Amino acid sequence: MEHITLLLGIVIVTALVFDFTNGFHDTANAMATTISTGALKPKTAVAMSAVLNLVGAFLSVEVAKTISGGLINEEGIRTEVIFAALVGAILWNLLTWLLGLPSSSSHALFGGLIGAAVMSAGWSSVNGSTVITKVLLPAVAAPVVAGLAAMLATRLTYRISRGAGEKATSKGYRAGQITSAGLVSLAHGTNDAQKTMGIITLALVTGGVLAPGSNPPLWVIVSAGIAIALGTYLGGWRIIRTMGKGLTDLAPPQGFAAQTSAATVILASSHLGFSLSTTQSCSGAVMGSGLGRKGGVVRWSTATRMFVAWGLTLPAAGLVGAGAEFLTKQGTWGIILTGALLIAGSAVIWRLSRRQPVTVDNVNDHHEPAGVVTTAIAAVTPPPAGPVAAADDLKTTIPGPDVEPVRPATV
């Protein structure tokens, strides 16, 4: 560490800031369904998730190696490129957090990195085959696979528990939710913390501190794990509300099925070195579980906004990263200006978020207007049955003895 320059130190700190935003941006992946169904209290849920994110950071370095040595060509890449990439990723993370959209922190990082690398050294600096096989294809497959798995698991869960009393099964499902949420948190730490490890390792390689192809040093693993754990504990309540209440209404069996399916997909991809979006996997699983329950409804208006954010993440973060790299190429004043713009943009987004704050106290409130499909289904829902409802209906339809019957009008 004695060879780390001031610029390299700034890049490392910025990478850890991104890791922190990744933590609170993606807390919803593990804990939104657990919080929305009441299986855990919000503060308890995020504390548990933070600890398991930290543990998960030590389980593997396969994804880190994909980023540090596979996504872009290390030769000819300057340290300033990494800084510019992180600026694009952080600003996109904060913007989507402000809007409450569960977009991919991973793709924000990849987009920023690709955009900055192209601006610096041209398209030849990007390994197109790696981008396609380990970023784009998993981005399409992950939500589909997780969604189908969650839909099937939800149907199977309800079929197995058919005939059992709700009180008898709810406690077991809540315990299962807590366990599966812990598994998702562990998987998130294993997958997402490695992305920051990979970026810091890439910066150390470009700065001449490490040889190309090196694994992340222990201090990088520890610092990345702590940063993402702290961000997770802060709790990204805006996105937790969207994931837990905005996409669909979840019962404990659905939450259990969604989280188990998502965790399986994420852990499998981490083992294979695929830099998967945990956000897309968990969002797809939540929608699948919503469709898997008989009578369940997905709020497609919210889902559509989420899909748009997914599609915009790579190009938007790439454009910001490219713009930031254009400034850093101008010299010291460009690097300073880029840092100032990052701080100013972050401050503006924070101030805007305070106009309608979402906190631990109102995270389970939901004010999303119903879409056309949801409204149509609600319109044909039968009225509640029971003696009270029946009596009320009779009172409103059968006139009493003192009421003058309505006679047809004559012309």
Foldseek 3Di string as FASTA:
>chain_A
DVLQDPLLVVLLVLLLVLLLLQQQLCLLLQCLQLCLQVLDQPLVSLLLLLVLLLVLLPPDQLLLLCLQANFFHLPQDALLLLVLLSLLLNLLSLVCLLVLFSAFSLLLSSLLNCLSQCLRPRNNGGDVVSCVPQPVVLAVVQLVQLLQQLLVQLLVLCVVCPPPDPVVCQVVLSVLLSVLSSLLSSLCSNQVLSNSLSSSSNSCCNSVNDPRSDTRDPVSSNSSSNSSSNSSSVHSLSNSLCQNPVFWDDHSSSSSSLSNSLSVSSNVSSVVNRNHGSSSNSSSSSNSSQVNDVVRDTQVVSVVVNVVSNVCSSNSSSVSSNVLSVQVVVDDVSPVVSVVVSVVSSVVSVVSCVVPPRDSVCSNPDDDDGDPVVVVSVVPDDDDDDDVVVVVVCPVPPDDPPDDDDDDDDD
